Protein backbone atom coordinates (compact mmCIF):
# COMPACT_ATOMS: atom_id res chain seq x y z
CA UNK A 1 117.53 -120.51 -29.20
CA UNK A 2 120.60 -119.56 -31.27
CA UNK A 3 123.27 -117.06 -30.29
CA UNK A 4 121.73 -114.21 -32.26
CA UNK A 5 118.30 -114.71 -30.71
CA UNK A 6 119.70 -114.84 -27.19
CA UNK A 7 121.86 -111.78 -27.77
CA UNK A 8 118.88 -109.88 -29.17
CA UNK A 9 116.87 -110.59 -26.01
CA UNK A 10 119.77 -109.42 -23.84
CA UNK A 11 120.62 -106.24 -25.73
CA UNK A 12 117.60 -104.94 -27.63
CA UNK A 13 116.26 -102.66 -24.88
CA UNK A 14 119.56 -100.81 -24.70
CA UNK A 15 118.94 -99.11 -28.03
CA UNK A 16 115.27 -98.14 -27.74
CA UNK A 17 114.89 -94.43 -26.87
CA UNK A 18 111.59 -94.96 -25.05
CA UNK A 19 112.30 -98.38 -23.54
CA UNK A 20 111.78 -96.95 -20.06
CA UNK A 21 108.53 -95.31 -21.08
CA UNK A 22 106.33 -98.39 -21.01
CA UNK A 23 103.36 -97.95 -18.67
CA UNK A 24 103.64 -99.71 -15.32
CA UNK A 25 102.40 -103.26 -15.90
CA UNK A 26 99.98 -105.14 -13.70
CA UNK A 27 99.32 -108.86 -14.01
CA UNK A 28 98.12 -109.64 -10.52
CA UNK A 29 95.32 -107.15 -9.91
CA UNK A 30 91.97 -107.47 -11.66
CA UNK A 31 90.85 -104.85 -14.17
CA UNK A 32 88.20 -103.56 -11.80
CA UNK A 33 90.60 -103.15 -8.88
CA UNK A 34 91.26 -99.88 -7.08
CA UNK A 35 94.85 -98.85 -6.37
CA UNK A 36 96.33 -96.69 -3.65
CA UNK A 37 99.25 -96.52 -1.22
CA UNK A 38 99.98 -97.62 2.34
CA UNK A 39 102.85 -96.67 4.63
CA UNK A 40 105.13 -98.98 6.62
CA UNK A 41 102.62 -99.08 9.47
CA UNK A 42 99.94 -100.37 7.10
CA UNK A 43 97.95 -97.14 7.15
CA UNK A 44 96.28 -96.08 3.90
CA UNK A 45 97.79 -92.67 3.21
CA UNK A 46 96.66 -92.27 -0.40
CA UNK A 47 93.15 -93.68 -0.93
CA UNK A 48 92.55 -96.71 -3.15
CA UNK A 49 90.84 -94.87 -5.98
CA UNK A 50 93.10 -95.24 -9.01
CA UNK A 51 92.86 -97.67 -11.92
CA UNK A 52 96.59 -98.27 -11.84
CA UNK A 53 99.48 -97.15 -9.65
CA UNK A 54 103.25 -97.67 -9.89
CA UNK A 55 106.09 -97.46 -7.41
CA UNK A 56 107.66 -94.10 -6.66
CA UNK A 57 110.71 -93.07 -8.65
CA UNK A 58 112.60 -89.91 -7.75
CA UNK A 59 109.73 -88.94 -5.46
CA UNK A 60 106.91 -89.27 -8.01
CA UNK A 61 104.59 -92.14 -8.91
CA UNK A 62 102.70 -92.64 -12.17
CA UNK A 63 98.99 -93.32 -11.58
CA UNK A 64 95.95 -93.60 -13.82
CA UNK A 65 92.71 -91.87 -12.95
CA UNK A 66 89.50 -93.52 -14.12
CA UNK A 67 88.30 -92.00 -17.35
CA UNK A 68 91.09 -89.40 -17.44
CA UNK A 69 94.50 -90.87 -18.05
CA UNK A 70 97.94 -91.01 -16.48
CA UNK A 71 99.60 -88.39 -14.33
CA UNK A 72 101.92 -88.19 -11.31
CA UNK A 73 101.52 -87.96 -7.54
CA UNK A 74 103.89 -86.98 -4.75
CA UNK A 75 104.11 -89.25 -1.70
CA UNK A 76 101.70 -86.89 0.10
CA UNK A 77 99.04 -87.63 -2.51
CA UNK A 78 99.36 -84.23 -4.15
CA UNK A 79 98.77 -84.12 -7.91
CA UNK A 80 102.06 -82.89 -9.33
CA UNK A 81 101.40 -83.61 -13.00
CA UNK A 82 97.71 -83.74 -14.04
CA UNK A 83 96.33 -86.87 -15.78
CA UNK A 84 96.80 -85.62 -19.32
CA UNK A 85 98.50 -88.64 -20.87
CA UNK A 86 97.68 -92.01 -22.37
CA UNK A 87 100.67 -93.53 -20.58
CA UNK A 88 103.34 -92.32 -18.19
CA UNK A 89 106.73 -93.87 -17.48
CA UNK A 90 109.02 -93.69 -14.49
CA UNK A 91 111.27 -90.72 -13.76
CA UNK A 92 114.98 -91.11 -14.45
CA UNK A 93 117.58 -88.37 -14.03
CA UNK A 94 114.81 -85.83 -13.53
CA UNK A 95 112.67 -86.60 -16.58
CA UNK A 96 110.04 -89.11 -17.69
CA UNK A 97 108.52 -90.32 -20.95
CA UNK A 98 104.79 -89.79 -21.49
CA UNK A 99 102.46 -90.46 -24.40
CA UNK A 100 100.22 -87.59 -25.42
CA UNK A 101 96.51 -87.99 -26.01
CA UNK A 102 95.02 -87.36 -29.42
CA UNK A 103 95.51 -88.72 -32.92
CA UNK A 104 99.28 -88.44 -32.92
CA UNK A 105 99.74 -90.24 -29.57
CA UNK A 106 103.36 -89.10 -29.73
CA UNK A 107 105.89 -89.65 -26.96
CA UNK A 108 107.47 -86.60 -25.33
CA UNK A 109 109.77 -85.91 -22.37
CA UNK A 110 108.60 -83.98 -19.32
CA UNK A 111 110.30 -82.79 -16.14
CA UNK A 112 109.04 -83.21 -12.58
CA UNK A 113 106.74 -80.20 -12.97
CA UNK A 114 105.11 -81.58 -16.11
CA UNK A 115 106.90 -79.16 -18.41
CA UNK A 116 108.02 -80.51 -21.75
CA UNK A 117 111.79 -80.67 -22.15
CA UNK A 118 114.13 -81.74 -24.95
CA UNK A 119 111.71 -80.30 -27.52
CA UNK A 120 114.41 -80.51 -30.17
CA UNK A 121 114.06 -84.30 -30.24
CA UNK A 122 111.22 -85.92 -32.15
CA UNK A 123 110.57 -88.70 -29.64
CA UNK A 124 110.89 -89.08 -25.92
CA UNK A 125 114.47 -89.32 -24.69
CA UNK A 126 115.92 -89.92 -21.24
CA UNK A 127 119.52 -89.18 -20.31
CA UNK A 128 121.94 -91.69 -18.87
CA UNK A 129 125.13 -90.45 -17.26
CA UNK A 130 124.19 -86.98 -18.48
CA UNK A 131 124.07 -87.90 -22.17
CA UNK A 132 121.25 -88.86 -24.53
CA UNK A 133 121.59 -91.61 -27.13
CA UNK A 134 119.18 -90.83 -29.94
CA UNK A 135 118.72 -89.61 -33.52
CA UNK A 136 118.08 -85.95 -34.30
CA UNK A 137 117.46 -84.70 -37.83
CA UNK A 138 118.89 -87.92 -39.20
CA UNK A 139 122.08 -87.70 -37.11
CA UNK A 140 122.47 -90.51 -34.60
CA UNK A 141 124.77 -89.93 -31.69
CA UNK A 142 125.21 -88.90 -28.07
CA UNK A 143 123.72 -85.50 -27.23
CA UNK A 144 124.10 -83.35 -24.14
CA UNK A 145 121.14 -81.98 -22.18
CA UNK A 146 121.05 -78.83 -24.31
CA UNK A 147 120.53 -80.91 -27.45
CA UNK A 148 124.07 -80.40 -28.74
CA UNK A 149 125.66 -83.34 -30.56
CA UNK A 150 128.63 -84.46 -28.46
CA UNK A 151 129.64 -87.62 -30.31
CA UNK A 152 128.25 -88.50 -33.75
CA UNK A 153 127.88 -92.16 -34.55
CA UNK A 154 128.41 -91.91 -38.26
CA UNK A 155 130.28 -94.56 -40.20
CA UNK A 156 133.63 -92.80 -40.44
CA UNK A 157 134.94 -93.37 -36.93
CA UNK A 158 134.19 -97.08 -36.64
CA UNK A 159 134.56 -98.37 -40.20
CA UNK A 160 138.22 -99.20 -39.60
CA UNK A 161 137.14 -101.84 -37.10
CA UNK A 162 134.38 -103.62 -38.98
CA UNK A 163 131.94 -103.31 -41.84
CA UNK A 164 129.04 -104.29 -39.59
CA UNK A 165 126.70 -101.71 -38.07
CA UNK A 166 127.53 -101.40 -34.36
CA UNK A 167 125.07 -101.59 -31.48
CA UNK A 168 125.45 -98.76 -28.98
CA UNK A 169 124.54 -98.71 -25.31
CA UNK A 170 123.84 -95.71 -23.14
CA UNK A 171 126.68 -94.38 -21.03
CA UNK A 172 127.05 -95.98 -17.61
CA UNK A 173 129.89 -95.08 -15.25
CA UNK A 174 131.36 -92.87 -18.02
CA UNK A 175 131.66 -95.73 -20.53
CA UNK A 176 129.30 -96.92 -23.25
CA UNK A 177 129.35 -100.56 -24.35
CA UNK A 178 129.62 -101.11 -28.12
CA UNK A 179 129.08 -104.37 -29.99
CA UNK A 180 129.80 -105.15 -33.64
CA UNK A 181 127.57 -108.17 -34.36
CA UNK A 182 128.27 -110.50 -37.27
CA UNK A 183 126.10 -113.24 -38.71
CA UNK A 184 125.50 -115.13 -35.46
CA UNK A 185 124.93 -112.03 -33.34
CA UNK A 186 128.41 -111.83 -31.82
CA UNK A 187 131.56 -110.16 -33.15
CA UNK A 188 133.99 -107.58 -31.83
CA UNK A 189 133.16 -105.64 -28.69
CA UNK A 190 134.49 -102.80 -26.59
CA UNK A 191 133.76 -99.47 -24.92
CA UNK A 192 133.50 -95.83 -25.91
CA UNK A 193 134.54 -93.19 -23.38
CA UNK A 194 133.21 -89.63 -23.32
CA UNK A 195 136.28 -88.28 -25.11
CA UNK A 196 135.48 -90.53 -28.08
CA UNK A 197 138.25 -93.04 -27.43
CA UNK A 198 137.47 -96.69 -28.19
CA UNK A 199 138.61 -99.36 -25.74
CA UNK A 200 138.69 -102.66 -27.59
CA UNK A 201 138.25 -105.94 -25.73
CA UNK A 202 140.98 -108.06 -27.26
CA UNK A 203 139.92 -111.66 -27.49
CA UNK A 204 140.20 -114.28 -30.22
CA UNK A 205 136.60 -115.46 -29.90
CA UNK A 206 133.56 -113.41 -30.80
CA UNK A 207 132.04 -111.42 -27.96
CA UNK A 208 129.36 -109.03 -26.77
CA UNK A 209 129.82 -106.68 -23.84
CA UNK A 210 127.22 -105.32 -21.45
CA UNK A 211 127.05 -102.12 -19.40
CA UNK A 212 129.78 -101.23 -16.93
CA UNK A 213 128.85 -101.53 -13.27
CA UNK A 214 131.53 -99.94 -11.11
CA UNK A 215 134.81 -101.18 -12.55
CA UNK A 216 133.57 -104.42 -14.15
CA UNK A 217 131.52 -105.29 -17.22
CA UNK A 218 129.98 -108.61 -18.20
CA UNK A 219 131.14 -110.13 -21.49
CA UNK A 220 129.49 -112.93 -23.46
CA UNK A 221 132.11 -115.02 -25.29
CA UNK A 222 131.24 -117.53 -28.01
CA UNK A 223 132.60 -121.02 -28.60
CA UNK A 224 132.19 -121.85 -32.30
CA UNK A 225 133.02 -125.52 -31.77
CA UNK A 226 130.14 -126.12 -29.36
CA UNK A 227 127.84 -123.35 -30.68
CA UNK A 228 127.52 -122.04 -27.14
CA UNK A 229 128.79 -119.17 -25.06
CA UNK A 230 130.03 -118.37 -21.56
CA UNK A 231 130.19 -115.24 -19.43
CA UNK A 232 133.19 -113.52 -17.90
CA UNK A 233 134.12 -110.01 -16.75
CA UNK A 234 136.53 -107.30 -17.89
CA UNK A 235 137.78 -104.13 -16.24
CA UNK A 236 137.41 -100.61 -17.61
CA UNK A 237 140.47 -101.11 -19.79
CA UNK A 238 138.90 -104.13 -21.48
CA UNK A 239 141.17 -106.65 -19.76
CA UNK A 240 139.64 -109.92 -18.56
CA UNK A 241 139.66 -110.17 -14.76
CA UNK A 242 137.29 -113.15 -14.55
CA UNK A 243 137.51 -115.80 -17.27
CA UNK A 244 134.44 -116.58 -19.38
CA UNK A 245 133.43 -119.84 -17.70
CA UNK A 246 129.90 -119.26 -16.41
CA UNK A 247 126.65 -120.24 -18.14
CA UNK A 248 124.88 -117.14 -16.90
CA UNK A 249 125.76 -114.12 -14.81
CA UNK A 250 124.30 -110.97 -13.36
CA UNK A 251 125.85 -107.54 -12.94
CA UNK A 252 128.10 -106.26 -10.17
CA UNK A 253 126.27 -104.65 -7.26
CA UNK A 254 127.91 -103.65 -3.98
CA UNK A 255 131.14 -105.35 -5.03
CA UNK A 256 129.75 -108.79 -5.88
CA UNK A 257 128.10 -110.52 -8.83
CA UNK A 258 125.88 -113.58 -9.18
CA UNK A 259 127.05 -116.39 -11.47
CA UNK A 260 125.44 -119.65 -12.57
CA UNK A 261 126.44 -123.14 -13.67
CA UNK A 262 123.99 -125.99 -14.33
CA UNK A 263 121.13 -123.83 -13.00
CA UNK A 264 122.88 -123.32 -9.67
CA UNK A 265 123.61 -119.76 -8.56
CA UNK A 266 126.19 -118.29 -6.24
CA UNK A 267 128.28 -115.12 -5.84
CA UNK A 268 131.88 -114.11 -6.55
CA UNK A 269 133.86 -110.95 -5.87
CA UNK A 270 135.47 -108.70 -8.49
CA UNK A 271 138.55 -110.94 -8.63
CA UNK A 272 136.53 -114.12 -9.16
CA UNK A 273 136.85 -115.44 -5.61
CA UNK A 274 133.77 -117.38 -4.52
CA UNK A 275 131.74 -115.66 -1.81
CA UNK A 276 128.67 -117.93 -1.86
CA UNK A 277 128.98 -121.43 -3.40
CA UNK A 278 127.10 -122.14 -6.64
CA UNK A 279 124.43 -124.41 -5.17
CA UNK A 280 121.33 -122.24 -4.87
CA UNK A 281 118.32 -121.32 -6.98
CA UNK A 282 116.78 -117.98 -7.86
CA UNK A 283 113.50 -116.86 -9.46
CA UNK A 284 112.93 -113.29 -10.61
CA UNK A 285 109.38 -112.81 -9.37
CA UNK A 286 109.74 -109.07 -9.89
CA UNK A 287 109.74 -109.46 -13.69
CA UNK A 288 106.10 -108.45 -14.09
CA UNK A 289 106.53 -105.29 -12.06
CA UNK A 290 108.30 -101.99 -12.49
CA UNK A 291 110.94 -103.00 -9.91
CA UNK A 292 112.24 -105.89 -12.00
CA UNK A 293 115.36 -107.84 -11.03
CA UNK A 294 116.41 -110.46 -13.57
CA UNK A 295 119.33 -111.91 -11.62
CA UNK A 296 120.34 -112.36 -7.97
CA UNK A 297 122.07 -109.28 -6.63
CA UNK A 298 123.03 -107.59 -3.40
CA UNK A 299 120.48 -104.97 -2.41
CA UNK A 300 120.90 -103.05 0.84
CA UNK A 301 123.71 -105.43 1.76
CA UNK A 302 121.68 -108.63 1.34
CA UNK A 303 121.29 -111.15 -1.49
CA UNK A 304 118.36 -113.54 -1.92
CA UNK A 305 118.72 -117.23 -2.88
CA UNK A 306 116.84 -120.46 -2.21
CA UNK A 307 117.38 -124.21 -2.00
CA UNK A 308 115.39 -126.52 -4.30
CA UNK A 309 116.06 -127.26 -7.95
CA UNK A 310 112.62 -127.37 -9.57
CA UNK A 311 109.28 -125.61 -9.31
CA UNK A 312 107.88 -128.70 -7.59
CA UNK A 313 110.60 -128.66 -4.94
CA UNK A 314 110.05 -127.09 -1.55
CA UNK A 315 111.82 -123.76 -1.76
CA UNK A 316 113.59 -122.59 1.38
CA UNK A 317 114.76 -119.00 1.13
CA UNK A 318 117.78 -117.24 2.63
CA UNK A 319 119.23 -113.73 2.67
CA UNK A 320 123.04 -113.72 2.63
CA UNK A 321 125.23 -110.83 3.81
CA UNK A 322 128.37 -109.54 2.08
CA UNK A 323 130.49 -111.87 4.21
CA UNK A 324 128.78 -114.79 2.50
CA UNK A 325 126.95 -115.83 5.66
CA UNK A 326 123.22 -116.45 6.07
CA UNK A 327 121.80 -113.32 7.66
CA UNK A 328 118.09 -114.25 7.52
CA UNK A 329 116.59 -117.73 7.25
CA UNK A 330 113.20 -116.91 5.75
CA UNK A 331 112.16 -120.55 5.57
CA UNK A 332 109.70 -122.13 3.14
CA UNK A 333 107.83 -119.61 1.02
CA UNK A 334 106.26 -119.27 -2.43
CA UNK A 335 107.57 -115.79 -3.15
CA UNK A 336 110.28 -113.67 -1.54
CA UNK A 337 111.47 -110.33 -2.88
CA UNK A 338 114.58 -108.26 -2.32
CA UNK A 339 114.79 -105.60 0.37
CA UNK A 340 113.75 -102.05 -0.33
CA UNK A 341 113.87 -99.33 2.32
CA UNK A 342 114.54 -101.94 4.99
CA UNK A 343 111.61 -104.27 4.23
CA UNK A 344 111.20 -107.41 2.10
CA UNK A 345 107.99 -109.06 0.86
CA UNK A 346 107.24 -112.71 1.68
CA UNK A 347 104.27 -114.76 0.50
CA UNK A 348 102.94 -118.17 1.41
CA UNK A 349 99.35 -118.71 2.54
CA UNK A 350 99.44 -115.10 3.66
CA UNK A 351 101.47 -112.04 2.65
CA UNK A 352 103.73 -110.00 4.86
CA UNK A 353 106.90 -107.90 5.08
CA UNK A 354 109.95 -108.70 7.18
CA UNK A 355 112.65 -106.40 8.52
CA UNK A 356 116.39 -107.08 8.37
CA UNK A 357 116.20 -109.16 11.54
CA UNK A 358 113.73 -111.47 9.81
CA UNK A 359 110.84 -110.29 11.99
CA UNK A 360 107.35 -109.99 10.52
CA UNK A 361 106.45 -106.33 10.78
CA UNK A 362 103.54 -105.79 8.36
CA UNK A 363 100.74 -108.09 7.16
CA UNK A 364 99.35 -107.21 3.73
CA UNK A 365 97.16 -110.26 3.15
CA UNK A 366 94.06 -108.11 2.71
CA UNK A 367 95.42 -106.68 -0.54
CA UNK A 368 95.16 -108.37 -3.89
CA UNK A 369 98.53 -107.21 -5.23
CA UNK A 370 101.07 -110.01 -5.07
CA UNK A 371 104.08 -108.27 -3.58
CA UNK A 372 105.95 -105.06 -4.13
CA UNK A 373 108.65 -102.74 -2.88
CA UNK A 374 108.38 -99.73 -0.63
CA UNK A 375 109.57 -96.57 -2.36
CA UNK A 376 109.50 -93.10 -0.80
CA UNK A 377 108.03 -94.78 2.28
CA UNK A 378 104.96 -96.06 0.45
CA UNK A 379 103.74 -99.29 -1.17
CA UNK A 380 101.30 -99.46 -4.09
CA UNK A 381 98.45 -101.85 -3.22
CA UNK A 382 95.07 -102.74 -4.68
CA UNK A 383 91.74 -104.35 -3.88
CA UNK A 384 88.88 -105.47 -6.16
CA UNK A 385 86.16 -102.87 -6.31
CA UNK A 386 82.83 -103.83 -4.81
């Protein structure tokens, strides 16, 4: 895969207004399965009667009623938004994207009461850092929650930098990443702050920058001689704090970031000091779910890695703490997922959840769903219908 193709995979979702509006995906439960929710004691608190069910986000979960459509439930099972939609996405900053029924099948934005908001926009939009990146009446830019254009993204303000059309990210931590791709997908890169000031990342090689997490942002830097690229990290002023020397990298969470060389993962701090040596593996089993993690990261103070280089190897899993020490030796398992609300899913011949002491506290082998995360105290589960 060339540089442009890889960059497109990494960045394309950042510029799609309804990227977060995809319906919750299910690849592990059969089409005739019934979904519902259990609590941390294993009790069924919302009956298994839905065709699909997602995790809770901001206190609401998108579910699909048989023969009706998608709507939203509270964690008490109360219908908060009736099943009036073809699809329903997850809530973010108080709003969610839904697809209307009917011939138009248009996407709109609703609030937690099911009321349509942001009517002035043609498609569904969701804010990030209090601003909306979208196009309104032919004018692309960042809009506030009232629909007022805060920063237009017309040609005039960036044409001094490059003739290429820039790629804009949503605002994160008060900065928006901007990339100016050239023929191979990389070019100049930098940030835009909310006052409209551009922070350029000054580097001789071509680059692409990702979203800011805390006070660091990941940067992809090209090497034209080898037709390859490496990853490093800059601060909010665009200055490199960690040289671009890693083959892959995650994002900073809880003060640390995962980095990879020769398919071996480890962790470093914000100054590049090694916390966990680069000798472990990682598989993002959450990819097919709505709680996706695509790189190792610290969640609730713990990071998940395993030993074993290939799929055929025996994989022994560990949770590391922020001191770089093994906090939980999970042992051999097929699937292990990150902690959420104090519990982590483990699968081998059976399926169960462990607490932060590594103790098995909940067996979920009776359910067909292959893992998950507790949200709002509940876990979405399913069984084949009889």
